[in-house]
Amino acid sequence: MMNMNHMMTEEEAEIERLPVDLLAHIFLFTSSFTDLAQGSGVCRKWRKAVRQSLAGRERLSFSGCKMDDESTVRLVRYAYNLKELDM
């Protein structure tokens, strides 16, 4: 039987192998901006991936989201191709 700590280390190593481009593509499927804000705080690699995914978005919607102004600004700042913003 595998030790739980060993399994956790293996799982962390697996996700750490993903390139930033692939993580950014995965984040494109995340519609919760609360999740994106939290994801960008996980580590530098995830922050870079969230920023990269935001750069490719033309439309963002924050309707129904309860986010503080600082988190909202931090996310919108990297949405370079943004054409529509729903608050």
C-alpha atoms as a PDB file:
ATOM      1  CA  MET A   1       0.000   0.000   0.000  1.00  0.00           C
ATOM      2  CA  MET A   2       1.306   3.455  -0.959  1.00  0.00           C
ATOM      3  CA  ASN A   3       2.028   6.060   1.632  1.00  0.00           C
ATOM      4  CA  MET A   4      -0.369   9.041   1.390  1.00  0.00           C
ATOM      5  CA  ASN A   5       2.516  11.567   1.429  1.00  0.00           C
ATOM      6  CA  HIS A   6       4.186   9.725  -1.448  1.00  0.00           C
ATOM      7  CA  MET A   7       0.957   9.852  -3.474  1.00  0.00           C
ATOM      8  CA  MET A   8       0.557  13.577  -2.831  1.00  0.00           C
ATOM      9  CA  THR A   9       4.126  14.250  -3.957  1.00  0.00           C
ATOM     10  CA  GLU A  10       3.515  12.258  -7.151  1.00  0.00           C
ATOM     11  CA  GLU A  11       0.321  14.192  -7.917  1.00  0.00           C
ATOM     12  CA  GLU A  12       2.041  17.514  -7.375  1.00  0.00           C
ATOM     13  CA  ALA A  13       4.878  16.441  -9.637  1.00  0.00           C
ATOM     14  CA  GLU A  14       2.442  15.475 -12.406  1.00  0.00           C
ATOM     15  CA  ILE A  15       0.731  18.871 -12.581  1.00  0.00           C
ATOM     16  CA  GLU A  16       4.066  20.629 -12.257  1.00  0.00           C
ATOM     17  CA  ARG A  17       5.135  18.996 -15.540  1.00  0.00           C
ATOM     18  CA  LEU A  18       2.417  20.778 -17.527  1.00  0.00           C
ATOM     19  CA  PRO A  19       3.761  23.656 -19.621  1.00  0.00           C
ATOM     20  CA  VAL A  20       2.394  27.154 -19.024  1.00  0.00           C
ATOM     21  CA  ASP A  21       0.703  27.168 -22.453  1.00  0.00           C
ATOM     22  CA  LEU A  22      -1.328  24.080 -21.564  1.00  0.00           C
ATOM     23  CA  LEU A  23      -2.272  25.461 -18.149  1.00  0.00           C
ATOM     24  CA  ALA A  24      -3.371  28.704 -19.849  1.00  0.00           C
ATOM     25  CA  HIS A  25      -5.542  26.705 -22.246  1.00  0.00           C
ATOM     26  CA  ILE A  26      -7.127  24.895 -19.292  1.00  0.00           C
ATOM     27  CA  PHE A  27      -7.822  28.225 -17.580  1.00  0.00           C
ATOM     28  CA  LEU A  28      -9.733  29.356 -20.689  1.00  0.00           C
ATOM     29  CA  PHE A  29     -12.446  26.898 -19.627  1.00  0.00           C
ATOM     30  CA  THR A  30     -12.685  28.497 -16.191  1.00  0.00           C
ATOM     31  CA  SER A  31     -15.545  30.962 -16.138  1.00  0.00           C
ATOM     32  CA  SER A  32     -15.378  31.730 -12.428  1.00  0.00           C
ATOM     33  CA  PHE A  33     -13.252  34.801 -11.933  1.00  0.00           C
ATOM     34  CA  THR A  34     -13.043  34.041  -8.244  1.00  0.00           C
ATOM     35  CA  ASP A  35     -11.367  30.766  -9.241  1.00  0.00           C
ATOM     36  CA  LEU A  36      -9.033  32.591 -11.631  1.00  0.00           C
ATOM     37  CA  ALA A  37      -8.060  35.059  -8.913  1.00  0.00           C
ATOM     38  CA  GLN A  38      -7.390  32.206  -6.501  1.00  0.00           C
ATOM     39  CA  GLY A  39      -5.563  30.201  -9.169  1.00  0.00           C
ATOM     40  CA  SER A  40      -3.254  33.112  -9.869  1.00  0.00           C
ATOM     41  CA  GLY A  41      -2.233  33.017  -6.223  1.00  0.00           C
ATOM     42  CA  VAL A  42      -1.155  29.353  -6.218  1.00  0.00           C
ATOM     43  CA  CYS A  43       2.339  29.856  -7.616  1.00  0.00           C
ATOM     44  CA  ARG A  44       4.243  31.907 -10.190  1.00  0.00           C
ATOM     45  CA  LYS A  45       3.649  29.360 -12.930  1.00  0.00           C
ATOM     46  CA  TRP A  46      -0.121  29.388 -12.393  1.00  0.00           C
ATOM     47  CA  ARG A  47      -0.134  33.199 -12.193  1.00  0.00           C
ATOM     48  CA  LYS A  48       1.608  33.329 -15.563  1.00  0.00           C
ATOM     49  CA  ALA A  49      -0.877  30.821 -17.016  1.00  0.00           C
ATOM     50  CA  VAL A  50      -3.894  32.781 -15.735  1.00  0.00           C
ATOM     51  CA  ARG A  51      -2.460  35.987 -17.216  1.00  0.00           C
ATOM     52  CA  GLN A  52      -1.837  34.247 -20.531  1.00  0.00           C
ATOM     53  CA  SER A  53      -5.407  32.892 -20.615  1.00  0.00           C
ATOM     54  CA  LEU A  54      -6.794  36.365 -19.851  1.00  0.00           C
ATOM     55  CA  ALA A  55      -4.757  37.897 -22.674  1.00  0.00           C
ATOM     56  CA  GLY A  56      -6.661  35.782 -25.194  1.00  0.00           C
ATOM     57  CA  ARG A  57     -10.160  36.630 -23.978  1.00  0.00           C
ATOM     58  CA  GLU A  58     -12.317  39.132 -25.833  1.00  0.00           C
ATOM     59  CA  ARG A  59     -15.200  39.029 -23.365  1.00  0.00           C
ATOM     60  CA  LEU A  60     -15.311  38.951 -19.576  1.00  0.00           C
ATOM     61  CA  SER A  61     -18.320  38.862 -17.299  1.00  0.00           C
ATOM     62  CA  PHE A  62     -18.171  39.589 -13.606  1.00  0.00           C
ATOM     63  CA  SER A  63     -21.948  39.671 -13.166  1.00  0.00           C
ATOM     64  CA  GLY A  64     -22.956  37.819 -10.035  1.00  0.00           C
ATOM     65  CA  CYS A  65     -19.363  37.658  -8.804  1.00  0.00           C
ATOM     66  CA  LYS A  66     -18.413  39.137  -5.477  1.00  0.00           C
ATOM     67  CA  MET A  67     -14.843  40.242  -5.950  1.00  0.00           C
ATOM     68  CA  ASP A  68     -13.005  43.134  -4.414  1.00  0.00           C
ATOM     69  CA  ASP A  69     -11.796  45.938  -6.667  1.00  0.00           C
ATOM     70  CA  GLU A  70      -8.142  44.958  -6.349  1.00  0.00           C
ATOM     71  CA  SER A  71      -8.774  41.381  -7.553  1.00  0.00           C
ATOM     72  CA  THR A  72     -10.917  42.622 -10.439  1.00  0.00           C
ATOM     73  CA  VAL A  73      -8.291  45.139 -11.561  1.00  0.00           C
ATOM     74  CA  ARG A  74      -5.564  42.514 -11.264  1.00  0.00           C
ATOM     75  CA  LEU A  75      -7.454  40.185 -13.630  1.00  0.00           C
ATOM     76  CA  VAL A  76      -8.698  42.766 -16.144  1.00  0.00           C
ATOM     77  CA  ARG A  77      -5.234  44.326 -16.456  1.00  0.00           C
ATOM     78  CA  TYR A  78      -4.029  41.278 -18.394  1.00  0.00           C
ATOM     79  CA  ALA A  79      -7.039  40.980 -20.714  1.00  0.00           C
ATOM     80  CA  TYR A  80      -5.309  42.758 -23.612  1.00  0.00           C
ATOM     81  CA  ASN A  81      -7.829  41.702 -26.278  1.00  0.00           C
ATOM     82  CA  LEU A  82     -10.859  42.633 -24.203  1.00  0.00           C
ATOM     83  CA  LYS A  83     -13.723  44.057 -26.250  1.00  0.00           C
ATOM     84  CA  GLU A  84     -16.607  43.522 -23.841  1.00  0.00           C
ATOM     85  CA  LEU A  85     -16.731  43.719 -20.051  1.00  0.00           C
ATOM     86  CA  ASP A  86     -19.888  42.884 -18.107  1.00  0.00           C
ATOM     87  CA  MET A  87     -19.833  44.083 -14.511  1.00  0.00           C
END
